[in-house]
Amino acid sequence: MPLTDVLERLYARRRFGIKPGVERVKSLLERLGNPEKKFRTIHVVGTNGKGSTSAFLSTILLHAGHSVAQFSSPHLVHFTERFRINGKEYSADKLAINLNTVLEVAPEEATFFEITTALAALIFSEERIELAVMEAGMGGRSDATAVFAGEMTILTPITFDHTEYLGTTIEQIAREKAGIIRPGTPVISAEQPDTALQVIKELCLARNCTLKIRGNDFSDIRNHDGTLDYRGLSRILTQLTPGIKGRYQACNAAVALAAAEVLEAGGMNIPPSSFNEGIATAYWPGRMELVPGLPPLLLDGAHNPAGASALAEALQDYSRSRLLLVTGVCNDKDIEQIYAPLIPLVDSIFTVTPAVERALKDDELTSFFQKQGIASQPCGSVVAGISKARSQASEGDLILVCGSLFVVGEVKAWLEQVNYTGIRG
């Protein structure tokens, strides 16, 4: 059966929205024979950097000779992107069969993300993978992925996002995300705001978990040539060249390296060369992804204030005459905070309306920028925005595309000449 037909049934589940809690997915997994118990799991939670950190760690383990799966969300273009087996997207034909199996037994009230999470468990068990790196969808304690018995938790930077579900303070958000941590398991954390770190420390103490923190227990230094030096828990690695570009990837790479060191100390075989090779060959689409051309396109999935700040810093490494911004967002985003770091860097803005529900209209976004005193014009679709930017570009200019992963997904679909369906979750 074609995957597109089965996906229509899955997408219909989005009418149930987001429902925090693990009871529904737990019931679904029981109906499937608890496939999640047939492999080991590492949880990756946080606000930014989950996908990149997961990619770095998965690639390190892959180079070490282990069978590794990676689960992520959302996808940019193809639903199969969410399920990677040993670095490769899962077969669409096999995915269609497994998705149909899950849908046949799914409770009527099961949500889109719960079914997708159960699907990952079924796929990974059938592929007989050794270890799954599972990216939480939004929270932690009440996230569907929390039903997996994680033997390690990785915490990427925590900041404000999805406050309607996770809480209105950093402390509340940190408590929800870190709530996924299992007693007696190691925890690896990026640097965190003081209030978040306090919550994490208290929780680790109460659950008898060892905690390793970037900046305290391990560190990284970015060299002038763009390489990375890592001073870890027991290793010192120099002149690393991250395969995923962007200054902010130093943090994600360091956290992944520390996690690999902890796994190694726990008995997992990880040859020394795997650390270097894994960092160098890791790939994660839509993050500082440069598309050659005249002018080139730089795609980045920054969609919240912290991501935009990291993007603004990373732009220092890209020479250009002018920076032309093609951007669109969803209507639930804090546009003032998101664009504040970028506005001083851009010369002209071309606003677009992403092809998703909840999209902010391009003319509304243009009005916001014009009130900031910067040239902006509404263009309609994402492709129209790129075309308009290209028509006004000169030699040496750079076109930046950001604001939403959905915008980046539309561009990548256009470049691949395939249909695009933006799906959140």
Protein backbone atom coordinates (compact mmCIF):
# COMPACT_ATOMS: atom_id res chain seq x y z
CA MET A 1 0.00 0.00 0.00
CA PRO A 2 1.33 3.51 -0.78
CA LEU A 3 2.65 5.43 2.19
CA THR A 4 0.66 8.51 1.16
CA ASP A 5 -2.63 6.66 1.67
CA VAL A 6 -1.70 5.46 5.15
CA LEU A 7 -0.36 8.88 6.12
CA GLU A 8 -3.75 10.43 5.39
CA ARG A 9 -5.20 8.27 8.14
CA LEU A 10 -2.41 9.27 10.51
CA TYR A 11 -2.72 12.99 9.71
CA ALA A 12 -6.43 12.79 10.56
CA ARG A 13 -5.34 12.09 14.15
CA ARG A 14 -4.09 15.64 14.42
CA ARG A 15 -7.66 16.64 15.26
CA PHE A 16 -6.95 15.39 18.79
CA GLY A 17 -4.24 18.03 19.16
CA ILE A 18 -1.56 17.77 21.85
CA LYS A 19 -2.45 15.76 24.95
CA PRO A 20 0.33 15.47 27.54
CA GLY A 21 0.50 12.09 29.28
CA VAL A 22 1.81 8.58 28.66
CA GLU A 23 -1.18 6.35 29.37
CA ARG A 24 -2.49 6.29 25.79
CA VAL A 25 0.86 5.47 24.19
CA LYS A 26 1.57 2.95 26.95
CA SER A 27 -1.68 1.17 26.10
CA LEU A 28 -0.86 1.26 22.39
CA LEU A 29 2.60 -0.23 22.95
CA GLU A 30 1.08 -3.03 25.02
CA ARG A 31 -1.24 -3.86 22.11
CA LEU A 32 1.86 -4.06 19.88
CA GLY A 33 3.63 -6.44 22.27
CA ASN A 34 5.83 -3.79 23.93
CA PRO A 35 8.41 -3.46 21.14
CA GLU A 36 10.12 -0.65 23.08
CA LYS A 37 11.53 -3.25 25.47
CA LYS A 38 13.59 -4.92 22.76
CA PHE A 39 16.27 -2.21 22.50
CA ARG A 40 18.10 0.28 24.70
CA THR A 41 17.05 3.93 24.76
CA ILE A 42 18.71 7.30 25.30
CA HIS A 43 16.39 10.27 25.85
CA VAL A 44 17.21 13.69 24.38
CA VAL A 45 15.13 16.56 25.74
CA GLY A 46 15.41 20.35 25.76
CA THR A 47 14.32 23.36 23.75
CA ASN A 48 17.00 23.77 21.08
CA GLY A 49 19.62 21.47 19.61
CA LYS A 50 17.91 18.12 20.19
CA GLY A 51 18.15 16.97 16.57
CA SER A 52 21.77 18.02 16.06
CA THR A 53 22.90 16.53 19.38
CA SER A 54 21.11 13.28 18.55
CA ALA A 55 22.75 13.22 15.12
CA PHE A 56 26.24 13.74 16.58
CA LEU A 57 25.79 10.97 19.15
CA SER A 58 24.15 8.54 16.72
CA THR A 59 26.97 9.00 14.23
CA ILE A 60 29.65 8.46 16.89
CA LEU A 61 27.99 5.18 17.89
CA LEU A 62 27.52 4.16 14.27
CA HIS A 63 31.25 4.63 13.60
CA ALA A 64 31.90 2.52 16.68
CA GLY A 65 30.13 -0.37 15.00
CA HIS A 66 26.82 -0.25 16.85
CA SER A 67 23.35 -0.56 15.33
CA VAL A 68 21.70 2.78 16.09
CA ALA A 69 18.28 4.29 15.44
CA GLN A 70 17.34 7.95 15.72
CA PHE A 71 13.82 9.28 16.26
CA SER A 72 13.11 12.98 15.68
CA SER A 73 10.34 15.46 14.93
CA PRO A 74 9.09 17.28 13.02
CA HIS A 75 10.23 16.21 9.57
CA LEU A 76 11.19 18.80 6.97
CA VAL A 77 9.98 17.18 3.74
CA HIS A 78 9.51 13.42 4.07
CA PHE A 79 7.78 11.63 6.95
CA THR A 80 10.49 8.95 6.72
CA GLU A 81 13.02 11.51 8.05
CA ARG A 82 11.67 10.87 11.56
CA PHE A 83 13.02 7.31 11.61
CA ARG A 84 16.70 6.78 10.86
CA ILE A 85 18.32 3.36 10.98
CA ASN A 86 22.12 3.52 11.03
CA GLY A 87 22.02 7.02 9.60
CA LYS A 88 19.60 6.31 6.75
CA GLU A 89 15.91 7.17 6.44
CA TYR A 90 13.61 4.21 6.84
CA SER A 91 12.09 2.66 3.72
CA ALA A 92 8.78 4.26 2.74
CA ASP A 93 7.30 0.90 1.69
CA LYS A 94 8.19 -0.81 4.96
CA LEU A 95 7.04 2.24 6.92
CA ALA A 96 3.62 2.07 5.26
CA ILE A 97 3.15 -1.53 6.39
CA ASN A 98 4.22 -0.82 9.97
CA LEU A 99 2.16 2.36 10.21
CA ASN A 100 -0.91 0.46 9.06
CA THR A 101 -0.23 -2.12 11.79
CA VAL A 102 -0.08 0.59 14.45
CA LEU A 103 -3.20 2.37 13.20
CA GLU A 104 -5.17 -0.89 13.24
CA VAL A 105 -4.71 -1.26 17.00
CA ALA A 106 -4.45 2.40 18.06
CA PRO A 107 -7.08 3.63 20.53
CA GLU A 108 -9.52 6.06 18.98
CA GLU A 109 -8.23 8.93 21.13
CA ALA A 110 -4.52 8.31 20.42
CA THR A 111 -2.84 11.43 19.03
CA PHE A 112 -0.64 11.91 15.98
CA PHE A 113 2.57 12.05 18.01
CA GLU A 114 1.63 9.10 20.21
CA ILE A 115 1.05 6.91 17.17
CA THR A 116 4.30 8.14 15.60
CA THR A 117 6.19 7.31 18.80
CA ALA A 118 4.72 3.81 18.93
CA LEU A 119 5.56 3.41 15.25
CA ALA A 120 9.19 4.21 16.02
CA ALA A 121 9.25 1.48 18.67
CA LEU A 122 7.81 -1.08 16.25
CA ILE A 123 10.25 -0.15 13.48
CA PHE A 124 13.29 -0.16 15.73
CA SER A 125 12.42 -3.53 17.25
CA GLU A 126 11.84 -5.11 13.83
CA GLU A 127 15.16 -3.75 12.60
CA ARG A 128 16.83 -5.29 15.68
CA ILE A 129 18.70 -2.13 16.53
CA GLU A 130 20.88 -2.07 19.62
CA LEU A 131 20.20 1.44 20.82
CA ALA A 132 17.70 4.19 19.98
CA VAL A 133 18.39 7.89 20.44
CA MET A 134 14.90 9.23 21.11
CA GLU A 135 14.19 12.94 20.78
CA ALA A 136 11.28 14.12 22.92
CA GLY A 137 8.55 15.83 20.99
CA MET A 138 7.96 18.80 23.25
CA GLY A 139 8.24 18.20 26.98
CA GLY A 140 9.69 15.35 28.98
CA ARG A 141 7.83 13.90 31.94
CA SER A 142 4.51 13.86 30.07
CA ASP A 143 5.93 13.33 26.59
CA ALA A 144 4.96 10.17 24.72
CA THR A 145 8.63 9.16 24.54
CA ALA A 146 8.77 9.02 28.36
CA VAL A 147 7.27 5.51 28.26
CA PHE A 148 10.61 4.25 26.90
CA ALA A 149 12.95 3.11 29.69
CA GLY A 150 15.82 5.49 29.04
CA GLU A 151 19.23 4.46 30.37
CA MET A 152 20.57 7.99 29.92
CA THR A 153 19.08 11.46 29.55
CA ILE A 154 20.67 14.26 27.53
CA LEU A 155 19.46 17.78 28.29
CA THR A 156 20.04 20.35 25.56
CA PRO A 157 19.63 24.08 26.34
CA ILE A 158 16.28 24.84 27.98
CA THR A 159 14.50 28.11 27.30
CA PHE A 160 10.98 29.41 26.70
CA ASP A 161 8.87 27.48 24.21
CA HIS A 162 5.41 25.87 24.24
CA THR A 163 4.60 27.75 27.44
CA GLU A 164 0.91 26.88 27.08
CA TYR A 165 1.81 23.26 27.83
CA LEU A 166 5.10 23.31 29.72
CA GLY A 167 4.78 26.29 32.06
CA THR A 168 5.37 30.02 32.03
CA THR A 169 8.71 30.07 33.86
CA ILE A 170 12.08 28.47 33.10
CA GLU A 171 11.80 26.59 36.40
CA GLN A 172 8.45 25.05 35.40
CA ILE A 173 9.68 24.17 31.92
CA ALA A 174 12.88 22.61 33.29
CA ARG A 175 10.90 20.56 35.79
CA GLU A 176 8.66 19.21 33.04
CA LYS A 177 11.51 18.41 30.64
CA ALA A 178 13.86 16.92 33.24
CA GLY A 179 10.99 14.88 34.65
CA ILE A 180 11.75 12.22 32.03
CA ILE A 181 14.97 11.25 33.88
CA ARG A 182 14.92 7.68 35.22
CA PRO A 183 16.26 6.95 38.74
CA GLY A 184 19.86 5.78 38.89
CA THR A 185 20.74 6.79 35.32
CA PRO A 186 23.41 9.22 34.07
CA VAL A 187 22.41 12.71 32.93
CA ILE A 188 24.42 14.87 30.52
CA SER A 189 23.45 18.53 30.35
CA ALA A 190 24.33 21.55 28.28
CA GLU A 191 24.85 24.81 30.13
CA GLN A 192 21.51 25.96 31.51
CA PRO A 193 19.96 29.07 33.07
CA ASP A 194 20.54 29.09 36.84
CA THR A 195 16.89 28.37 37.65
CA ALA A 196 16.81 25.42 35.25
CA LEU A 197 20.10 24.03 36.53
CA GLN A 198 18.90 24.17 40.12
CA VAL A 199 15.84 22.09 39.21
CA ILE A 200 18.00 19.59 37.33
CA LYS A 201 20.46 19.24 40.22
CA GLU A 202 17.69 18.73 42.76
CA LEU A 203 15.98 16.13 40.62
CA CYS A 204 19.23 14.23 39.95
CA LEU A 205 20.02 14.20 43.67
CA ALA A 206 16.55 12.91 44.55
CA ARG A 207 16.75 10.17 41.91
CA ASN A 208 20.36 9.18 42.60
CA CYS A 209 21.53 10.18 39.12
CA THR A 210 25.04 11.23 38.15
CA LEU A 211 25.04 14.63 36.44
CA LYS A 212 27.70 15.93 34.05
CA ILE A 213 27.39 19.56 32.96
CA ARG A 214 29.00 21.40 30.06
CA GLY A 215 31.27 24.11 31.45
CA ASN A 216 31.82 22.26 34.72
CA ASP A 217 32.65 18.65 33.91
CA PHE A 218 33.52 18.99 30.22
CA SER A 219 34.13 21.94 27.91
CA ASP A 220 34.74 22.96 24.33
CA ILE A 221 36.70 25.74 22.66
CA ARG A 222 36.09 26.95 19.14
CA ASN A 223 39.35 27.74 17.33
CA HIS A 224 39.91 30.58 14.85
CA ASP A 225 39.89 28.14 11.94
CA GLY A 226 36.42 26.88 12.91
CA THR A 227 37.64 23.64 14.44
CA LEU A 228 36.70 22.48 17.91
CA ASP A 229 38.81 21.41 20.89
CA TYR A 230 37.08 19.23 23.46
CA ARG A 231 38.25 18.67 27.03
CA GLY A 232 36.10 15.82 28.24
CA LEU A 233 35.52 13.54 31.17
CA SER A 234 38.54 11.39 30.32
CA ARG A 235 39.50 12.42 26.79
CA ILE A 236 41.01 15.49 25.19
CA LEU A 237 40.23 15.86 21.49
CA THR A 238 41.62 18.64 19.33
CA GLN A 239 40.97 20.08 15.88
CA LEU A 240 37.55 18.47 15.50
CA THR A 241 35.59 19.58 12.44
CA PRO A 242 31.84 19.28 13.07
CA GLY A 243 29.92 18.05 10.06
CA ILE A 244 26.93 20.17 11.10
CA LYS A 245 27.82 23.83 10.61
CA GLY A 246 27.23 26.80 12.85
CA ARG A 247 29.06 28.15 15.89
CA TYR A 248 26.27 26.98 18.17
CA GLN A 249 26.95 23.38 17.16
CA ALA A 250 30.02 23.36 19.43
CA CYS A 251 27.69 22.92 22.41
CA ASN A 252 25.72 20.14 20.75
CA ALA A 253 28.88 18.32 19.69
CA ALA A 254 30.42 18.59 23.16
CA VAL A 255 27.28 17.25 24.85
CA ALA A 256 27.21 14.31 22.42
CA LEU A 257 30.89 13.59 23.05
CA ALA A 258 30.35 13.61 26.81
CA ALA A 259 27.40 11.24 26.42
CA ALA A 260 29.54 8.89 24.34
CA GLU A 261 32.24 8.99 27.03
CA VAL A 262 29.71 8.01 29.70
CA LEU A 263 28.48 5.13 27.53
CA GLU A 264 32.08 4.04 27.01
CA ALA A 265 32.75 4.15 30.75
CA GLY A 266 29.66 1.99 31.23
CA GLY A 267 31.11 -0.76 29.08
CA MET A 268 30.09 0.18 25.55
CA ASN A 269 32.85 -0.33 23.01
CA ILE A 270 33.66 3.02 21.36
CA PRO A 271 37.10 3.12 19.68
CA PRO A 272 38.98 6.46 19.97
CA SER A 273 38.65 7.16 16.23
CA SER A 274 34.84 6.99 16.45
CA PHE A 275 34.69 10.24 18.44
CA ASN A 276 36.48 12.22 15.73
CA GLU A 277 34.81 10.49 12.81
CA GLY A 278 31.34 10.75 14.32
CA ILE A 279 31.61 14.49 14.86
CA ALA A 280 33.08 15.05 11.39
CA THR A 281 30.49 13.06 9.44
CA ALA A 282 27.32 13.95 11.35
CA TYR A 283 24.57 15.52 9.27
CA TRP A 284 21.34 17.25 10.19
CA PRO A 285 19.31 19.00 7.46
CA GLY A 286 18.03 22.55 7.68
CA ARG A 287 20.59 23.80 10.19
CA MET A 288 23.02 26.32 8.68
CA GLU A 289 22.59 24.40 5.43
CA LEU A 290 24.21 26.27 2.54
CA VAL A 291 22.65 25.77 -0.89
CA PRO A 292 25.08 26.87 -3.65
CA GLY A 293 23.88 29.35 -6.24
CA LEU A 294 24.03 32.97 -7.32
CA PRO A 295 23.33 34.09 -4.73
CA PRO A 296 23.60 31.14 -2.32
CA LEU A 297 20.78 30.27 0.08
CA LEU A 298 21.48 29.68 3.76
CA LEU A 299 18.74 27.62 5.43
CA ASP A 300 18.35 27.53 9.20
CA GLY A 301 15.52 26.26 11.37
CA ALA A 302 15.78 29.00 14.03
CA HIS A 303 12.21 29.51 15.26
CA ASN A 304 12.53 30.87 18.81
CA PRO A 305 14.53 33.66 20.50
CA ALA A 306 17.41 31.43 21.61
CA GLY A 307 17.70 29.88 18.17
CA ALA A 308 17.67 33.29 16.51
CA SER A 309 20.44 34.54 18.82
CA ALA A 310 22.56 31.50 17.97
CA LEU A 311 21.90 32.08 14.27
CA ALA A 312 22.91 35.73 14.53
CA GLU A 313 26.23 34.75 16.10
CA ALA A 314 26.83 32.04 13.49
CA LEU A 315 26.31 34.56 10.67
CA GLN A 316 29.65 36.13 11.61
CA ASP A 317 31.30 33.27 9.73
CA TYR A 318 29.54 34.05 6.44
CA SER A 319 30.93 36.85 4.33
CA ARG A 320 28.49 38.77 2.14
CA SER A 321 27.84 42.16 0.63
CA ARG A 322 24.25 42.24 1.84
CA LEU A 323 22.03 39.87 3.79
CA LEU A 324 18.57 39.36 2.31
CA LEU A 325 16.10 37.64 4.62
CA VAL A 326 13.26 35.43 3.41
CA THR A 327 11.16 34.57 6.44
CA GLY A 328 7.80 33.41 7.74
CA VAL A 329 6.52 32.20 11.11
CA CYS A 330 3.56 30.58 12.82
CA ASN A 331 1.11 32.92 14.50
CA ASP A 332 1.82 31.63 18.02
CA LYS A 333 5.42 32.84 18.03
CA ASP A 334 6.87 35.90 19.79
CA ILE A 335 8.06 37.65 16.65
CA GLU A 336 9.55 40.61 18.49
CA GLN A 337 11.88 38.36 20.46
CA ILE A 338 12.66 36.04 17.55
CA TYR A 339 13.69 38.76 15.11
CA ALA A 340 15.43 41.13 17.55
CA PRO A 341 18.89 39.53 17.06
CA LEU A 342 18.53 39.39 13.26
CA ILE A 343 17.09 42.80 12.37
CA PRO A 344 20.41 44.67 12.83
CA LEU A 345 22.10 42.25 10.41
CA VAL A 346 19.71 42.25 7.45
CA ASP A 347 19.45 44.73 4.59
CA SER A 348 16.07 43.74 3.19
CA ILE A 349 13.29 41.38 4.21
CA PHE A 350 10.90 39.34 2.09
CA THR A 351 8.05 37.94 4.17
CA VAL A 352 6.17 34.77 3.28
CA THR A 353 3.18 32.81 4.53
CA PRO A 354 4.20 29.22 5.38
CA ALA A 355 1.93 26.54 3.92
CA VAL A 356 0.77 25.31 7.34
CA GLU A 357 -2.05 25.85 9.75
CA ARG A 358 -1.43 28.70 12.19
CA ALA A 359 0.78 30.55 9.71
CA LEU A 360 1.16 34.29 10.29
CA LYS A 361 0.18 36.14 7.12
CA ASP A 362 3.04 37.70 5.19
CA ASP A 363 1.49 41.18 5.20
CA GLU A 364 1.17 41.10 9.01
CA LEU A 365 4.83 40.17 9.34
CA THR A 366 5.81 42.87 6.86
CA SER A 367 3.87 45.43 8.91
CA PHE A 368 5.85 44.40 11.98
CA PHE A 369 9.20 44.89 10.22
CA GLN A 370 8.19 48.21 8.69
CA LYS A 371 7.36 49.49 12.16
CA GLN A 372 10.95 48.60 13.07
CA GLY A 373 12.11 50.88 10.24
CA ILE A 374 13.49 48.15 7.96
CA ALA A 375 12.61 47.55 4.31
CA SER A 376 10.21 44.63 3.93
CA GLN A 377 7.72 43.37 1.37
CA PRO A 378 5.11 40.57 1.44
CA CYS A 379 5.67 37.90 -1.20
CA GLY A 380 3.05 35.24 -0.57
CA SER A 381 4.55 31.78 -0.81
CA VAL A 382 8.03 30.75 0.29
CA VAL A 383 9.10 30.07 -3.30
CA ALA A 384 7.81 33.50 -4.36
CA GLY A 385 9.83 35.07 -1.56
CA ILE A 386 13.03 33.41 -2.75
CA SER A 387 12.32 34.43 -6.33
CA LYS A 388 11.75 38.04 -5.30
CA ALA A 389 14.91 38.09 -3.20
CA ARG A 390 16.94 36.64 -6.05
CA SER A 391 15.58 39.23 -8.46
CA GLN A 392 16.86 42.02 -6.21
CA ALA A 393 20.15 40.38 -5.21
CA SER A 394 23.55 41.50 -6.41
CA GLU A 395 26.86 39.68 -6.63
CA GLY A 396 28.19 38.84 -3.20
CA ASP A 397 24.79 38.87 -1.48
CA LEU A 398 23.54 36.05 0.74
CA ILE A 399 19.90 35.00 1.08
CA LEU A 400 19.00 33.73 4.54
CA VAL A 401 15.86 31.59 4.92
CA CYS A 402 14.62 31.11 8.49
CA GLY A 403 11.78 31.74 10.94
CA SER A 404 10.25 28.27 10.99
CA LEU A 405 11.24 24.69 10.23
CA PHE A 406 8.17 24.66 7.99
CA VAL A 407 9.65 27.44 5.87
CA VAL A 408 12.91 25.49 5.56
CA GLY A 409 10.92 22.37 4.71
CA GLU A 410 9.10 24.17 1.90
CA VAL A 411 12.39 25.32 0.41
CA LYS A 412 13.89 21.85 0.54
CA ALA A 413 10.77 20.34 -1.06
CA TRP A 414 10.95 22.96 -3.81
CA LEU A 415 14.62 22.16 -4.41
CA GLU A 416 13.79 18.44 -4.60
CA GLN A 417 10.75 19.20 -6.80
CA VAL A 418 8.35 17.25 -4.57
CA ASN A 419 5.04 18.17 -2.99
CA TYR A 420 5.16 19.68 0.49
CA THR A 421 2.82 19.03 3.40
CA GLY A 422 3.72 20.87 6.59
CA ILE A 423 2.86 18.75 9.63
CA ARG A 424 3.52 19.78 13.22
CA GLY A 425 4.19 17.14 15.84
